Protein backbone atom coordinates (compact mmCIF):
# COMPACT_ATOMS: atom_id res chain seq x y z
CA MET A 1 21.18 11.69 6.30
CA TYR A 2 22.75 10.61 3.00
CA LEU A 3 25.10 13.31 1.73
CA PHE A 4 28.13 11.90 -0.07
CA GLY A 5 28.85 8.69 -1.94
CA THR A 6 25.30 8.56 -3.30
CA HIS A 7 23.81 7.73 -6.70
CA ARG A 8 22.77 11.36 -7.16
CA SER A 9 25.28 13.93 -5.96
CA VAL A 10 24.55 16.60 -3.36
CA VAL A 11 24.32 19.19 -6.14
CA GLN A 12 21.87 17.09 -8.16
CA ARG A 13 19.61 16.47 -5.17
CA LEU A 14 19.79 20.15 -4.20
CA ARG A 15 18.61 21.06 -7.68
CA LEU A 16 15.65 18.73 -7.24
CA SER A 17 14.71 19.58 -3.65
CA MET A 18 15.04 23.35 -4.16
CA ASN A 19 13.10 23.37 -7.43
CA ARG A 20 9.73 24.92 -6.61
CA ASP A 21 8.34 23.62 -9.90
CA LEU A 22 9.00 19.98 -8.94
CA GLY A 23 5.88 17.95 -8.27
CA ALA A 24 4.22 14.60 -8.80
CA GLY A 25 3.21 15.52 -12.34
CA ASN A 26 6.69 16.34 -13.64
CA PHE A 27 9.19 14.56 -11.35
CA PHE A 28 10.38 12.34 -14.21
CA TRP A 29 11.46 15.21 -16.45
CA HIS A 30 13.31 16.95 -13.62
CA ALA A 31 15.08 13.67 -12.77
CA CYS A 32 16.14 13.35 -16.42
CA ALA A 33 17.41 16.94 -16.38
CA VAL A 34 19.77 16.43 -13.42
CA ALA A 35 20.96 12.88 -14.19
CA ARG A 36 24.55 12.53 -15.42
CA ASP A 37 24.34 8.76 -15.94
CA PRO A 38 21.36 8.27 -18.28
CA ASP A 39 22.67 4.98 -19.67
CA ARG A 40 23.17 3.21 -16.33
CA PRO A 41 20.59 0.44 -15.72
CA LEU A 42 18.12 1.89 -13.22
CA VAL A 43 14.79 0.02 -13.18
CA HIS A 44 15.08 -3.75 -13.28
CA ARG A 45 12.65 -6.58 -13.99
CA MET A 46 12.79 -10.35 -13.55
CA GLY A 47 12.55 -11.83 -17.03
CA PRO A 48 12.65 -15.42 -18.34
CA ASP A 49 16.37 -15.02 -19.00
CA GLY A 50 17.20 -13.28 -15.74
CA LEU A 51 17.43 -9.61 -14.85
CA ASP A 52 16.50 -7.00 -17.42
CA GLY A 53 17.70 -3.49 -16.55
CA LEU A 54 16.37 -0.35 -18.23
CA SER A 55 18.31 2.92 -18.15
CA LEU A 56 16.81 6.32 -17.60
CA ARG A 57 17.36 7.06 -21.29
CA ALA A 58 15.42 3.94 -22.28
CA LEU A 59 12.58 4.89 -19.92
CA HIS A 60 12.60 8.44 -21.31
CA ASP A 61 12.31 7.22 -24.91
CA ARG A 62 9.35 4.99 -24.09
CA VAL A 63 7.57 7.74 -22.18
CA ILE A 64 8.03 10.08 -25.16
CA ARG A 65 6.50 7.54 -27.55
CA TYR A 66 3.58 6.77 -25.23
CA GLY A 67 2.96 10.47 -24.74
CA ASN A 68 2.82 11.02 -28.47
CA TRP A 69 0.34 8.16 -28.82
CA TYR A 70 -1.89 9.59 -26.11
CA GLN A 71 -1.77 13.05 -27.65
CA ALA A 72 -2.67 11.61 -31.05
CA ASN A 73 -5.66 9.95 -29.40
CA GLY A 74 -7.02 13.10 -27.82
CA VAL A 75 -5.49 13.10 -24.34
CA GLY A 76 -4.86 16.59 -22.98
CA PRO A 77 -5.20 18.61 -19.78
CA GLY A 78 -7.78 17.06 -17.48
CA THR A 79 -8.39 13.89 -19.53
CA ARG A 80 -8.90 10.92 -17.23
CA VAL A 81 -7.21 7.78 -18.55
CA GLY A 82 -7.65 4.41 -16.89
CA VAL A 83 -4.63 2.09 -16.69
CA TYR A 84 -5.47 -1.57 -16.02
CA THR A 85 -2.42 -3.84 -16.32
CA VAL A 86 -0.50 -6.46 -14.36
CA ASP A 87 2.78 -4.94 -15.60
CA GLY A 88 3.74 -2.42 -12.93
CA LEU A 89 6.50 -0.79 -14.96
CA LEU A 90 4.18 -0.28 -17.95
CA GLY A 91 1.63 1.26 -15.61
CA VAL A 92 4.17 3.74 -14.23
CA LEU A 93 5.48 4.70 -17.69
CA HIS A 94 1.95 5.25 -19.00
CA HIS A 95 1.20 7.33 -15.90
CA VAL A 96 4.22 9.55 -16.61
CA ALA A 97 3.21 9.90 -20.28
CA ILE A 98 -0.39 10.80 -19.39
CA THR A 99 0.61 13.43 -16.84
CA SER A 100 3.18 14.91 -19.26
CA LEU A 101 0.15 16.05 -21.27
CA GLY A 102 -1.75 17.33 -18.23
CA GLY A 103 -3.90 14.20 -18.11
CA ILE A 104 -4.96 12.31 -14.97
CA THR A 105 -4.14 8.63 -14.53
CA VAL A 106 -6.85 6.44 -13.01
CA LEU A 107 -5.09 3.31 -11.73
CA ALA A 108 -6.95 0.05 -11.08
CA ASN A 109 -5.46 -3.04 -9.48
CA PRO A 110 -5.48 -5.90 -12.02
CA ASN A 111 -6.74 -8.28 -9.32
CA MET A 112 -9.86 -6.18 -8.86
CA ALA A 113 -13.07 -7.87 -10.03
CA ALA A 114 -14.21 -6.66 -13.45
CA MET A 115 -17.51 -5.40 -12.05
CA THR A 116 -15.73 -3.38 -9.36
CA ALA A 117 -13.17 -2.01 -11.82
CA ALA A 118 -15.93 -1.05 -14.28
CA GLN A 119 -17.85 0.83 -11.60
CA TYR A 120 -14.64 2.51 -10.45
CA PHE A 121 -13.72 3.74 -13.95
CA ARG A 122 -17.25 4.84 -14.67
CA TYR A 123 -17.62 6.65 -11.35
CA THR A 124 -14.35 8.56 -11.79
CA ASP A 125 -15.39 9.92 -15.23
CA THR A 126 -12.70 7.95 -17.03
CA THR A 127 -12.99 8.38 -20.81
CA MET A 128 -10.25 6.00 -21.98
CA VAL A 129 -8.94 2.71 -20.59
CA VAL A 130 -5.61 1.24 -21.63
CA GLY A 131 -5.13 -2.26 -20.30
CA ASP A 132 -4.09 -5.86 -20.81
CA ALA A 133 -5.80 -7.80 -23.58
CA VAL A 134 -7.00 -10.44 -21.09
CA LEU A 135 -8.59 -7.82 -18.81
CA LEU A 136 -10.32 -5.52 -21.30
CA PRO A 137 -13.02 -7.82 -22.78
CA GLU A 138 -14.67 -8.60 -19.45
CA LEU A 139 -14.37 -4.98 -18.37
CA THR A 140 -15.97 -3.79 -21.60
CA THR A 141 -18.81 -6.29 -21.30
CA VAL A 142 -19.63 -5.11 -17.80
CA LEU A 143 -19.14 -1.45 -18.53
CA THR A 144 -20.92 -0.74 -21.77
CA ASN A 145 -24.61 -0.39 -22.47
CA ALA A 146 -26.24 -1.81 -25.58
CA ASP A 147 -25.27 1.32 -27.54
CA GLY A 148 -21.61 0.99 -26.59
CA ARG A 149 -21.57 3.92 -24.20
CA TRP A 150 -20.54 4.07 -20.57
CA ASN A 151 -23.25 6.61 -19.94
CA ASP A 152 -25.36 9.04 -21.93
CA ALA A 153 -22.42 11.22 -22.89
CA VAL A 154 -19.27 9.15 -23.17
CA ALA A 155 -18.29 6.52 -25.70
CA PRO A 156 -15.02 5.19 -24.27
CA LEU A 157 -11.85 4.36 -26.15
CA ASN A 158 -10.47 1.06 -24.86
CA ALA A 159 -7.01 0.10 -26.08
CA ASP A 160 -4.90 -3.01 -25.60
CA ILE A 161 -1.68 -1.85 -23.94
CA SER A 162 0.45 -4.07 -26.22
CA THR A 163 -1.21 -2.45 -29.24
CA VAL A 164 -0.34 0.97 -27.83
CA ASP A 165 3.28 -0.17 -27.54
CA ARG A 166 3.40 -1.26 -31.19
CA GLU A 167 1.68 1.85 -32.51
CA ALA A 168 3.89 4.13 -30.42
CA THR A 169 7.15 2.54 -31.60
CA SER A 170 7.56 4.94 -34.54
CA MET A 171 6.60 8.04 -32.53
CA HIS A 172 10.04 9.31 -31.55
CA ASN A 173 9.70 13.08 -31.38
CA ALA A 174 8.12 14.87 -28.42
CA VAL A 175 4.99 16.75 -29.37
CA GLY A 176 3.76 19.25 -26.81
CA HIS A 177 5.06 17.37 -23.77
CA ARG A 178 5.95 18.86 -20.38
CA TYR A 179 2.59 20.35 -19.48
CA ARG A 180 3.13 23.05 -16.85
CA HIS A 181 1.25 21.96 -13.74
CA VAL A 182 -0.10 24.22 -11.06
CA PRO A 183 -0.01 22.91 -7.47
CA SER A 184 -3.70 21.93 -7.34
CA ASP A 185 -3.74 19.97 -10.62
CA LEU A 186 -4.85 16.36 -10.15
CA VAL A 187 -2.32 13.87 -11.52
CA LEU A 188 -3.57 10.55 -10.16
CA ILE A 189 -6.71 8.79 -8.93
CA SER A 190 -5.92 5.63 -7.00
CA HIS A 191 -8.37 3.49 -5.09
CA SER A 192 -8.06 2.53 -1.44
CA SER A 193 -7.61 -1.13 -0.47
CA GLY A 194 -11.36 -1.67 -0.19
CA THR A 195 -11.06 -3.87 2.90
CA THR A 196 -13.85 -2.02 4.72
CA GLY A 197 -16.21 -1.83 1.72
CA GLU A 198 -16.04 -0.54 -1.84
CA PRO A 199 -12.67 0.93 -2.89
CA LYS A 200 -12.70 4.70 -2.45
CA PRO A 201 -11.41 6.79 -5.41
CA THR A 202 -8.73 8.93 -3.78
CA ALA A 203 -7.37 11.99 -5.61
CA PHE A 204 -3.69 12.99 -5.65
CA ALA A 205 -2.50 16.45 -6.65
CA HIS A 206 0.72 17.66 -8.25
CA ASP A 207 1.90 19.45 -5.10
CA THR A 208 0.54 17.43 -2.20
CA PHE A 209 1.57 14.03 -3.60
CA SER A 210 5.19 15.17 -3.80
CA VAL A 211 5.55 16.72 -0.33
CA GLY A 212 7.18 13.76 1.38
CA LYS A 213 9.60 13.03 -1.44
CA ARG A 214 11.62 16.23 -0.97
CA GLU A 215 12.70 15.17 2.52
CA ARG A 216 13.32 11.60 1.40
CA LEU A 217 15.80 12.82 -1.20
CA TRP A 218 18.14 13.20 1.80
CA LYS A 219 16.86 10.55 4.22
CA PHE A 220 16.14 7.50 2.03
CA PRO A 221 18.95 4.91 1.62
CA SER A 222 20.73 6.01 -1.55
CA ALA A 223 24.43 5.19 -1.17
CA VAL A 224 26.15 3.86 -4.29
CA THR A 225 26.03 0.42 -2.65
CA ASP A 226 22.25 0.55 -2.17
CA ARG A 227 19.77 -1.40 -4.30
CA MET A 228 16.05 -1.80 -3.69
CA VAL A 229 13.43 -4.47 -4.30
CA THR A 230 9.85 -3.22 -4.20
CA ALA A 231 6.91 -5.60 -3.92
CA LEU A 232 4.40 -2.78 -3.48
CA PRO A 233 1.44 -2.91 -5.88
CA HIS A 234 2.39 -0.45 -8.61
CA SER A 235 -1.27 0.04 -9.46
CA HIS A 236 -1.51 1.74 -6.05
CA SER A 237 -0.34 5.19 -4.99
CA SER A 238 2.32 3.66 -2.72
CA GLY A 239 3.95 1.80 -5.60
CA VAL A 240 3.95 4.91 -7.79
CA SER A 241 5.35 6.98 -4.94
CA TYR A 242 8.38 4.78 -4.22
CA ILE A 243 9.35 4.12 -7.85
CA SER A 244 9.12 7.89 -8.41
CA LEU A 245 11.50 8.41 -5.50
CA ALA A 246 13.88 5.73 -6.82
CA ILE A 247 14.02 7.42 -10.23
CA MET A 248 14.80 10.80 -8.65
CA LEU A 249 17.49 9.25 -6.43
CA GLY A 250 18.96 7.13 -9.24
CA LEU A 251 18.52 4.14 -6.91
CA PRO A 252 18.72 0.79 -8.80
CA THR A 253 15.35 -0.84 -8.18
CA LEU A 254 13.84 -4.20 -9.03
CA MET A 255 10.07 -3.93 -9.48
CA LEU A 256 7.99 -7.04 -8.76
CA ASP A 257 4.51 -7.64 -10.10
CA ASP A 258 4.13 -10.74 -7.92
CA PRO A 259 4.04 -9.66 -4.24
CA SER A 260 4.22 -13.19 -2.85
CA GLY A 261 6.96 -14.11 -0.42
CA ALA A 262 8.36 -16.67 -2.86
CA ALA A 263 8.72 -14.01 -5.57
CA VAL A 264 10.40 -11.60 -3.14
CA ALA A 265 12.84 -14.32 -2.08
CA ALA A 266 13.73 -15.15 -5.70
CA ALA A 267 14.27 -11.47 -6.40
CA MET A 268 16.50 -11.09 -3.35
CA ASN A 269 18.65 -14.07 -4.32
CA THR A 270 19.14 -12.62 -7.81
CA PHE A 271 19.38 -8.87 -7.14
CA LEU A 272 20.96 -8.83 -3.63
CA PRO A 273 19.11 -5.70 -2.49
CA THR A 274 20.05 -3.65 0.54
CA VAL A 275 16.47 -2.35 0.91
CA VAL A 276 13.32 -4.49 0.62
CA ILE A 277 9.96 -2.79 0.69
CA GLY A 278 6.40 -4.12 0.57
CA PHE A 279 3.07 -4.31 2.30
CA PRO A 280 3.30 -6.29 5.57
CA LEU A 281 1.85 -9.54 4.16
CA SER A 282 4.53 -9.76 1.44
CA LEU A 283 7.29 -9.50 4.04
CA ALA A 284 5.53 -11.86 6.44
CA ASP A 285 5.18 -14.43 3.64
CA LEU A 286 8.91 -14.45 2.88
CA PRO A 287 10.30 -18.04 3.01
CA VAL A 288 13.53 -17.16 4.79
CA GLU A 289 14.84 -20.71 4.48
CA THR A 290 15.16 -20.23 0.69
CA LEU A 291 17.31 -17.11 0.95
CA SER A 292 20.99 -17.41 0.10
CA THR A 293 23.58 -16.24 2.61
CA PRO A 294 24.60 -13.29 0.39
CA ALA A 295 20.94 -12.23 0.11
CA LYS A 296 20.46 -12.39 3.88
CA GLN A 297 23.61 -10.39 4.57
CA ALA A 298 22.95 -7.74 1.91
CA VAL A 299 19.74 -6.33 3.44
CA HIS A 300 20.20 -3.53 5.94
CA THR A 301 16.64 -2.13 5.79
CA TRP A 302 13.20 -3.75 5.58
CA MET A 303 10.24 -1.43 5.07
CA GLY A 304 6.65 -2.44 5.80
CA MET A 305 4.17 0.12 4.45
CA GLY A 306 0.44 0.78 4.87
CA ASP A 307 -0.82 -1.06 7.93
CA ALA A 308 1.62 -1.50 10.79
CA SER A 309 3.30 -4.91 11.06
CA HIS A 310 3.06 -7.50 13.83
CA GLU A 311 5.98 -8.55 16.05
CA ARG A 312 5.49 -12.16 14.91
CA HIS A 313 6.36 -11.08 11.35
CA ILE A 314 9.15 -8.61 12.11
CA ARG A 315 11.45 -10.66 14.34
CA PRO A 316 12.30 -13.47 11.86
CA LEU A 317 13.54 -10.92 9.32
CA LEU A 318 15.70 -9.09 11.86
CA ALA A 319 17.31 -12.40 12.83
CA LEU A 320 18.63 -13.08 9.31
CA SER A 321 21.65 -10.80 9.23
CA ARG A 322 24.77 -11.34 11.34
CA THR A 323 25.63 -7.65 11.04
CA GLY A 324 22.11 -6.52 11.92
CA SER A 325 19.29 -4.95 9.96
CA THR A 326 16.45 -2.53 10.66
CA TYR A 327 12.73 -3.03 10.08
CA VAL A 328 11.08 0.33 9.46
CA ASP A 329 7.43 -0.22 10.38
CA GLY A 330 5.34 2.45 8.68
CA LEU A 331 1.68 3.32 9.22
CA GLY A 332 0.08 5.29 6.42
CA SER A 333 -3.03 5.55 4.33
CA SER A 334 -3.98 6.26 0.74
CA GLU A 335 -5.58 9.54 1.77
CA MET A 336 -2.40 10.85 3.38
CA GLY A 337 -0.24 10.22 0.31
CA MET A 338 2.63 8.76 2.37
CA VAL A 339 3.62 7.05 5.60
CA LEU A 340 2.56 9.11 8.62
CA PHE A 341 4.22 7.22 11.48
CA LYS A 342 7.32 5.06 11.54
CA HIS A 343 8.99 2.91 14.12
CA ALA A 344 12.45 1.46 13.49
CA HIS A 345 12.95 -2.02 15.01
CA THR A 346 16.27 -3.84 15.45
CA ILE A 347 17.07 -7.26 16.86
CA GLN A 348 17.43 -5.60 20.29
CA SER A 349 13.95 -4.04 20.18
CA THR A 350 11.60 -4.97 22.99
CA ARG A 351 8.78 -2.49 22.43
CA TYR A 352 6.10 -3.93 20.18
CA GLY A 353 2.44 -4.34 21.18
CA ARG A 354 1.29 -2.28 18.16
CA ALA A 355 3.73 0.57 18.87
CA ILE A 356 4.06 2.73 15.73
CA GLY A 357 6.62 5.25 16.94
CA GLU A 358 6.08 8.94 16.28
CA PRO A 359 4.78 11.02 13.36
CA VAL A 360 7.20 11.70 10.52
CA ARG A 361 8.46 15.25 10.04
CA VAL A 362 6.02 16.16 7.28
CA VAL A 363 3.08 15.67 9.68
CA SER A 364 2.28 19.10 11.12
CA LYS A 365 0.25 17.66 13.99
CA ALA A 366 -1.39 14.38 15.01
CA VAL A 367 -4.07 14.12 17.68
CA VAL A 368 -6.37 11.57 19.28
CA LEU A 369 -10.01 12.65 19.09
CA ASP A 370 -13.32 11.47 20.49
CA GLU A 371 -16.42 11.17 18.29
CA ASN A 372 -17.21 14.84 18.89
CA GLY A 373 -13.82 16.02 17.65
CA ASN A 374 -12.39 16.78 21.08
CA GLU A 375 -8.85 15.75 22.01
CA VAL A 376 -8.68 12.95 24.57
CA PRO A 377 -6.09 12.59 27.35
CA ASP A 378 -2.87 10.66 26.84
CA GLY A 379 -3.31 6.93 27.32
CA GLN A 380 -6.92 6.92 26.07
CA ALA A 381 -7.99 5.39 22.76
CA GLY A 382 -9.58 7.54 20.09
CA LEU A 383 -9.69 8.49 16.43
CA LEU A 384 -6.48 9.51 14.69
CA GLY A 385 -6.68 13.03 13.29
CA VAL A 386 -3.83 14.36 11.19
CA ARG A 387 -2.82 17.71 9.79
CA THR A 388 -0.29 17.42 6.95
CA PRO A 389 0.41 19.13 3.62
CA SER A 390 0.46 15.71 1.93
CA ILE A 391 -3.27 15.16 2.45
CA THR A 392 -5.53 14.18 -0.45
CA PRO A 393 -7.73 16.88 -2.01
CA GLY A 394 -10.57 14.44 -1.39
CA TYR A 395 -12.52 11.53 -2.80
CA VAL A 396 -13.46 11.89 -6.46
CA ASN A 397 -17.14 12.77 -6.94
CA GLU A 398 -17.74 12.15 -3.23
CA PRO A 399 -17.99 15.53 -1.47
CA GLY A 400 -20.05 14.01 1.34
CA MET A 401 -17.46 11.30 2.01
CA THR A 402 -14.70 13.90 1.90
CA ALA A 403 -16.52 16.08 4.44
CA GLN A 404 -17.15 13.11 6.76
CA ALA A 405 -13.43 12.37 6.80
CA ARG A 406 -12.69 15.74 8.36
CA SER A 407 -13.05 16.87 11.93
CA GLY A 408 -12.29 20.55 12.19
CA GLU A 409 -8.76 21.10 10.92
CA TYR A 410 -7.91 17.40 10.97
CA PHE A 411 -8.34 14.57 8.47
CA LEU A 412 -9.58 11.34 10.04
CA THR A 413 -7.56 8.41 8.75
CA GLY A 414 -10.04 5.78 9.92
CA ASP A 415 -7.65 4.45 12.56
CA VAL A 416 -8.07 4.03 16.31
CA VAL A 417 -4.87 4.95 18.16
CA ARG A 418 -3.47 5.76 21.59
CA HIS A 419 -0.79 8.28 22.52
CA ASP A 420 1.14 7.65 25.72
CA PRO A 421 2.73 10.35 27.90
CA ASP A 422 6.24 9.20 26.86
CA GLY A 423 5.50 10.16 23.25
CA MET A 424 4.90 6.66 21.84
CA TRP A 425 1.88 6.07 19.59
CA TYR A 426 0.00 2.77 19.26
CA HIS A 427 -2.21 1.52 16.43
CA LEU A 428 -5.18 -0.29 17.94
CA ASP A 429 -7.66 -0.83 15.12
CA ARG A 430 -9.45 0.38 12.02
CA THR A 431 -12.72 2.07 12.99
CA PRO A 432 -15.02 -0.44 11.18
CA ASP A 433 -13.26 -3.35 12.91
CA VAL A 434 -13.75 -2.25 16.53
CA ILE A 435 -15.71 -4.94 18.39
CA THR A 436 -18.63 -3.73 20.51
CA THR A 437 -18.96 -6.09 23.47
CA SER A 438 -21.10 -6.01 26.60
CA SER A 439 -17.97 -4.93 28.50
CA GLY A 440 -17.04 -2.11 26.12
CA PRO A 441 -15.05 -1.69 22.90
CA VAL A 442 -12.40 -4.26 22.01
CA TYR A 443 -9.61 -3.35 19.60
CA SER A 444 -8.76 -6.24 17.32
CA LEU A 445 -5.14 -5.49 16.40
CA GLN A 446 -3.93 -5.70 19.98
CA LEU A 447 -5.49 -9.15 20.29
CA GLU A 448 -4.03 -10.29 16.97
CA GLU A 449 -0.54 -9.41 18.17
CA ILE A 450 -0.86 -11.87 21.05
CA VAL A 451 -2.73 -14.56 19.08
CA LEU A 452 0.04 -14.68 16.46
CA THR A 453 2.72 -15.00 19.12
CA GLU A 454 0.89 -17.65 21.16
CA THR A 455 -0.21 -19.87 18.27
CA GLY A 456 2.74 -19.37 15.93
CA ALA A 457 0.24 -18.89 13.09
CA PHE A 458 1.32 -17.33 9.80
CA ASP A 459 -1.63 -14.91 9.76
CA ALA A 460 -4.56 -14.09 12.01
CA ALA A 461 -7.58 -11.83 12.23
CA VAL A 462 -9.73 -11.04 15.26
CA VAL A 463 -13.30 -10.17 14.30
CA ALA A 464 -16.71 -9.60 15.86
CA VAL A 465 -19.37 -12.34 15.94
CA ASP A 466 -22.78 -12.47 17.59
CA ASP A 467 -22.68 -12.90 21.36
CA PRO A 468 -25.33 -15.53 22.24
CA ASP A 469 -25.58 -14.21 25.81
CA SER A 470 -25.98 -10.52 24.92
CA PRO A 471 -28.32 -9.67 22.03
CA ALA A 472 -27.11 -6.80 19.87
CA MET A 473 -23.60 -7.25 21.30
CA SER A 474 -20.56 -9.01 19.87
CA SER A 475 -17.78 -11.29 21.04
CA PRO A 476 -14.25 -11.48 19.61
CA ILE A 477 -13.00 -14.61 17.89
CA ALA A 478 -9.69 -15.24 16.15
CA VAL A 479 -9.34 -16.81 12.71
CA VAL A 480 -5.83 -18.22 12.23
CA LEU A 481 -3.98 -19.55 9.20
CA PHE A 482 -0.95 -21.84 9.36
CA LYS A 483 1.66 -22.63 6.72
CA GLY A 484 3.51 -25.83 5.92
CA GLY A 485 1.04 -28.24 7.49
CA ALA A 486 1.22 -26.75 10.99
CA THR A 487 -1.91 -27.11 13.09
CA LEU A 488 -3.55 -25.37 16.02
CA PRO A 489 -1.70 -26.10 19.26
CA ARG A 490 -3.65 -27.96 21.93
CA ALA A 491 -5.53 -25.68 24.29
CA ALA A 492 -4.75 -22.74 22.01
CA LEU A 493 -7.76 -20.81 23.24
CA ASP A 494 -6.68 -21.23 26.85
CA SER A 495 -3.10 -20.15 26.17
CA CYS A 496 -4.24 -17.15 24.12
CA ASN A 497 -6.69 -16.05 26.77
CA LEU A 498 -4.14 -16.47 29.53
CA ALA A 499 -1.73 -14.20 27.63
CA LEU A 500 -4.50 -11.72 26.86
CA THR A 501 -5.50 -11.58 30.50
CA ARG A 502 -1.90 -10.94 31.53
CA ALA A 503 -1.81 -8.06 29.05
CA GLY A 504 -5.04 -6.62 30.44
CA LEU A 505 -6.96 -7.27 27.22
CA ALA A 506 -10.30 -8.87 26.42
CA THR A 507 -10.36 -12.64 25.95
CA LEU A 508 -11.53 -14.62 22.91
CA ALA A 509 -14.69 -16.67 22.64
CA ALA A 510 -13.20 -18.99 20.03
CA VAL A 511 -10.28 -19.72 17.75
CA VAL A 512 -11.16 -20.81 14.22
CA VAL A 513 -8.58 -22.46 11.97
CA ALA A 514 -8.65 -21.40 8.33
CA THR A 515 -7.82 -24.34 6.08
CA ASP A 516 -6.49 -22.17 3.26
CA ARG A 517 -6.10 -18.54 2.18
CA ALA A 518 -9.69 -18.45 0.92
CA SER A 519 -10.78 -19.09 4.51
CA LEU A 520 -8.82 -16.03 5.63
CA PRO A 521 -9.35 -13.91 2.51
CA VAL A 522 -7.37 -10.82 1.55
CA GLY A 523 -8.20 -7.94 -0.79
CA VAL A 524 -6.34 -6.74 -3.85
CA THR A 525 -3.59 -5.14 -1.78
CA GLY A 526 -3.11 -8.13 0.55
CA LYS A 527 -5.07 -6.89 3.55
CA VAL A 528 -7.42 -9.29 5.35
CA LEU A 529 -11.08 -8.77 4.48
CA LYS A 530 -12.50 -8.65 7.98
CA ARG A 531 -15.95 -7.66 6.75
CA VAL A 532 -16.10 -11.01 4.90
CA LEU A 533 -15.02 -12.89 8.02
CA ARG A 534 -17.66 -11.11 10.11
CA GLU A 535 -20.38 -12.21 7.71
CA ARG A 536 -19.01 -15.74 7.38
CA HIS A 537 -18.66 -16.41 11.12
CA GLN A 538 -21.46 -14.23 12.49
CA HIS A 539 -23.25 -17.17 14.11
CA VAL A 540 -20.24 -19.38 14.82
CA LEU A 541 -20.92 -19.45 18.59
CA THR A 542 -24.47 -20.65 18.17
CA GLU A 543 -24.43 -22.83 15.04
CA PRO A 544 -22.44 -25.91 14.01
CA VAL A 545 -19.02 -25.20 12.57
CA ARG A 546 -18.96 -25.28 8.77
CA THR A 547 -17.05 -27.99 6.95
CA GLY A 548 -13.36 -27.27 6.48
CA THR A 549 -12.74 -25.35 9.70
CA ALA A 550 -11.69 -26.32 13.19
CA LEU A 551 -13.03 -24.55 16.24
CA ASP A 552 -11.66 -24.21 19.75
CA SER A 553 -14.24 -22.49 21.94
CA TRP A 554 -15.78 -22.46 25.38
């Protein structure tokens, strides 16, 4: 609990947390209302000349101008505006401006293929897209018909985001801002990671998307000595969520558009953050040898969000600080609007093996269900069902998909979990990635934990391939990626299988070495595309190994 000596005083945070009007659509204006230090640099960026810090007043002035531009161009309550930019801060400021008019921001990751982004905008009934000049032409080519329309009814307005900035420069006065939201108003549409198929357009409402932030106003590190680096994708709901929290807390934050480990390390050496947050791959990719001693000693909290992290990636970070640090391993999903489970690891931690701790306080109830929606006994694997006020209203224009994601009173997150009698929860797999073998289901994440430890690989994925001895069944193989010229240890398959057997888990049929990141591909949010690996290696046990890979199999 952070009470005194914080960036926002107890009184200021009480005003925010007790304000029943506060929500995801108006958090910025309430933060501006309570702040007593509007000229202090708050949101920072890495520029060519070093750090560039923007105060809350500077952010406020830009939001006002953008809002006026949007209003002049027809944006009002319910208008869906696409934002398609590599600049995370611009994306957030445009989001705040759009929602200040009652509009709905439709965020698209700039790394998303133009065809996928076009379909996403079209499917979500987006009527305007503001984006980078380099991204818009290809998007427009894909999206428009010969008559210049997205469909029979809508002729879109596409605007270069730099042009918007120039045109909005002279628009200083607020015109009709501060739309009064009701709890159910949509404020954001953000796509899922798309690792299991096409990205799903997930809706976020004014009330539900702000639920977790009220508690975090008191629990999130916010002492006057705290500073945060975020490498989360700010075109994703997670990135928007944490920068929103930072603005409310007055927490100095450096936003990165490059989530690579090298970029995070450079940011840490410059900014000396006490809190570093990102998706697991960004933290795993961190070149710790390039960190300065002050940067290593400054961090007291690492936060991995989204998928749970592996022991192989957590331990090196915990070993950096002489005074000790904590790795908060969080499991969440786009549909839940926040992290649902968290497990705090320290250098003394011994419990890994995909342990994800316990549900956070905002989760009303979490259960393990079978395919018929019945709760299963402790110790047995099943589907994670969650009841929480932070849940998404549903998938946009997908009532069938929304209905399928529910089982009675619970929302199914798409995860396979286990709950033990001592209260600990374990994340075993994503439902599409479960491997159906002749001996029963095999959960890939448990195997990956051991493969990473045994091989010392930087990254790994265990996926299903055809079992030559059992038609219609699969066998698990591991695809591993090394960094810095490291290679597969001799007898890696034997050592992995020996460790798997000791752990009571299924063994591997092969270990495949990926020669580069393209051989172990990741999606726009940095998650491994296992569906691609399944297709690529489907016949690896029966056909010659393709050029560029090494195979250890029996």
